[in-house]
Amino acid sequence: MRNEILAYKRERILEEAVKLFYERGFTGTTLDDIATELGVTKPFIYTHFRSKVQLLEAICRPTIEMSLQATQHNDFTVELYRSRR
């Protein structure tokens, strides 16, 4: 149960960060802004993320990994196609 609660809190931080980064931009958004929107303190965010950059990394990582996997799959498909010609 504890891990589920931690995961939920982390997800809420990520959701709010995505919303604010979209609305105000990365440089226009502070951790204080995110904390205020969530109704928590900045130290609460620091228990889950060391910095705003780490927060951005957590947001971007899944998409980057999916893109890399798709690219690798595509490279394999192209090589397979070429080898059968």
C-alpha atoms as a PDB file:
ATOM      1  CA  MET A   1       0.000   0.000   0.000  1.00  0.00           C
ATOM      2  CA  ARG A   2       2.843   2.414   0.835  1.00  0.00           C
ATOM      3  CA  ASN A   3       4.400   1.979  -2.615  1.00  0.00           C
ATOM      4  CA  GLU A   4       1.036   2.642  -4.238  1.00  0.00           C
ATOM      5  CA  ILE A   5       0.658   5.872  -2.274  1.00  0.00           C
ATOM      6  CA  LEU A   6       4.182   6.989  -3.207  1.00  0.00           C
ATOM      7  CA  ALA A   7       3.507   6.165  -6.862  1.00  0.00           C
ATOM      8  CA  TYR A   8       0.235   8.124  -6.737  1.00  0.00           C
ATOM      9  CA  LYS A   9       1.933  11.180  -5.223  1.00  0.00           C
ATOM     10  CA  ARG A  10       4.710  11.032  -7.799  1.00  0.00           C
ATOM     11  CA  GLU A  11       2.159  10.742 -10.616  1.00  0.00           C
ATOM     12  CA  ARG A  12       0.217  13.751  -9.319  1.00  0.00           C
ATOM     13  CA  ILE A  13       3.415  15.825  -9.278  1.00  0.00           C
ATOM     14  CA  LEU A  14       4.169  14.748 -12.846  1.00  0.00           C
ATOM     15  CA  GLU A  15       0.635  15.552 -14.027  1.00  0.00           C
ATOM     16  CA  GLU A  16       0.720  19.036 -12.535  1.00  0.00           C
ATOM     17  CA  ALA A  17       4.206  19.689 -13.895  1.00  0.00           C
ATOM     18  CA  VAL A  18       3.118  18.682 -17.400  1.00  0.00           C
ATOM     19  CA  LYS A  19       0.152  21.028 -17.199  1.00  0.00           C
ATOM     20  CA  LEU A  20       2.203  23.981 -15.962  1.00  0.00           C
ATOM     21  CA  PHE A  21       5.137  23.368 -18.309  1.00  0.00           C
ATOM     22  CA  TYR A  22       2.644  23.373 -21.171  1.00  0.00           C
ATOM     23  CA  GLU A  23       0.920  26.553 -19.996  1.00  0.00           C
ATOM     24  CA  ARG A  24       3.954  28.564 -18.826  1.00  0.00           C
ATOM     25  CA  GLY A  25       6.931  26.801 -20.341  1.00  0.00           C
ATOM     26  CA  PHE A  26       9.710  25.041 -18.482  1.00  0.00           C
ATOM     27  CA  THR A  27      11.582  28.225 -17.556  1.00  0.00           C
ATOM     28  CA  GLY A  28       8.352  30.009 -16.638  1.00  0.00           C
ATOM     29  CA  THR A  29       7.389  27.344 -14.111  1.00  0.00           C
ATOM     30  CA  THR A  30       8.951  26.969 -10.684  1.00  0.00           C
ATOM     31  CA  LEU A  31       8.742  24.116  -8.219  1.00  0.00           C
ATOM     32  CA  ASP A  32       6.900  26.568  -5.975  1.00  0.00           C
ATOM     33  CA  ASP A  33       4.278  26.965  -8.727  1.00  0.00           C
ATOM     34  CA  ILE A  34       3.836  23.201  -8.952  1.00  0.00           C
ATOM     35  CA  ALA A  35       3.644  22.874  -5.174  1.00  0.00           C
ATOM     36  CA  THR A  36       1.069  25.666  -4.938  1.00  0.00           C
ATOM     37  CA  GLU A  37      -1.153  24.072  -7.573  1.00  0.00           C
ATOM     38  CA  LEU A  38      -0.964  20.749  -5.711  1.00  0.00           C
ATOM     39  CA  GLY A  39      -1.546  22.349  -2.314  1.00  0.00           C
ATOM     40  CA  VAL A  40       1.748  20.999  -0.956  1.00  0.00           C
ATOM     41  CA  THR A  41       5.144  22.401  -0.038  1.00  0.00           C
ATOM     42  CA  LYS A  42       8.255  22.461  -2.198  1.00  0.00           C
ATOM     43  CA  PRO A  43      10.003  20.002   0.172  1.00  0.00           C
ATOM     44  CA  PHE A  44       7.184  17.551  -0.608  1.00  0.00           C
ATOM     45  CA  ILE A  45       8.228  17.667  -4.278  1.00  0.00           C
ATOM     46  CA  TYR A  46      11.891  17.287  -3.311  1.00  0.00           C
ATOM     47  CA  THR A  47      11.061  13.990  -1.606  1.00  0.00           C
ATOM     48  CA  HIS A  48      10.197  12.650  -5.071  1.00  0.00           C
ATOM     49  CA  PHE A  49      12.428  14.684  -7.416  1.00  0.00           C
ATOM     50  CA  ARG A  50      15.829  16.281  -6.738  1.00  0.00           C
ATOM     51  CA  SER A  51      15.266  19.159  -9.151  1.00  0.00           C
ATOM     52  CA  LYS A  52      13.016  20.633 -11.801  1.00  0.00           C
ATOM     53  CA  VAL A  53      15.324  19.139 -14.434  1.00  0.00           C
ATOM     54  CA  GLN A  54      14.874  15.656 -12.947  1.00  0.00           C
ATOM     55  CA  LEU A  55      11.127  16.244 -13.027  1.00  0.00           C
ATOM     56  CA  LEU A  56      11.315  17.159 -16.725  1.00  0.00           C
ATOM     57  CA  GLU A  57      13.427  14.070 -17.349  1.00  0.00           C
ATOM     58  CA  ALA A  58      10.778  11.876 -15.700  1.00  0.00           C
ATOM     59  CA  ILE A  59       8.150  13.430 -17.960  1.00  0.00           C
ATOM     60  CA  CYS A  60      10.169  13.005 -21.166  1.00  0.00           C
ATOM     61  CA  ARG A  61      11.837   9.640 -20.544  1.00  0.00           C
ATOM     62  CA  PRO A  62       8.897   7.359 -21.472  1.00  0.00           C
ATOM     63  CA  THR A  63       8.378   9.103 -24.812  1.00  0.00           C
ATOM     64  CA  ILE A  64      12.089   9.079 -25.605  1.00  0.00           C
ATOM     65  CA  GLU A  65      12.328   5.378 -24.765  1.00  0.00           C
ATOM     66  CA  MET A  66       9.315   4.579 -26.945  1.00  0.00           C
ATOM     67  CA  SER A  67      10.844   6.548 -29.815  1.00  0.00           C
ATOM     68  CA  LEU A  68      14.149   4.738 -29.460  1.00  0.00           C
ATOM     69  CA  GLN A  69      12.412   1.360 -29.409  1.00  0.00           C
ATOM     70  CA  ALA A  70      10.428   2.270 -32.512  1.00  0.00           C
ATOM     71  CA  THR A  71      13.595   3.420 -34.250  1.00  0.00           C
ATOM     72  CA  GLN A  72      15.437   0.241 -33.316  1.00  0.00           C
ATOM     73  CA  HIS A  73      12.505  -1.854 -34.499  1.00  0.00           C
ATOM     74  CA  ASN A  74      12.400   0.141 -37.728  1.00  0.00           C
ATOM     75  CA  ASP A  75      16.163  -0.348 -38.250  1.00  0.00           C
ATOM     76  CA  PHE A  76      15.703  -4.089 -37.785  1.00  0.00           C
ATOM     77  CA  THR A  77      12.780  -4.131 -40.239  1.00  0.00           C
ATOM     78  CA  VAL A  78      14.783  -2.208 -42.840  1.00  0.00           C
ATOM     79  CA  GLU A  79      17.760  -4.561 -42.460  1.00  0.00           C
ATOM     80  CA  LEU A  80      15.467  -7.600 -42.705  1.00  0.00           C
ATOM     81  CA  TYR A  81      13.852  -6.184 -45.840  1.00  0.00           C
ATOM     82  CA  ARG A  82      17.229  -5.442 -47.427  1.00  0.00           C
ATOM     83  CA  SER A  83      18.564  -8.908 -46.641  1.00  0.00           C
ATOM     84  CA  ARG A  84      15.609 -10.525 -48.448  1.00  0.00           C
ATOM     85  CA  ARG A  85      16.032  -8.514 -51.651  1.00  0.00           C
END
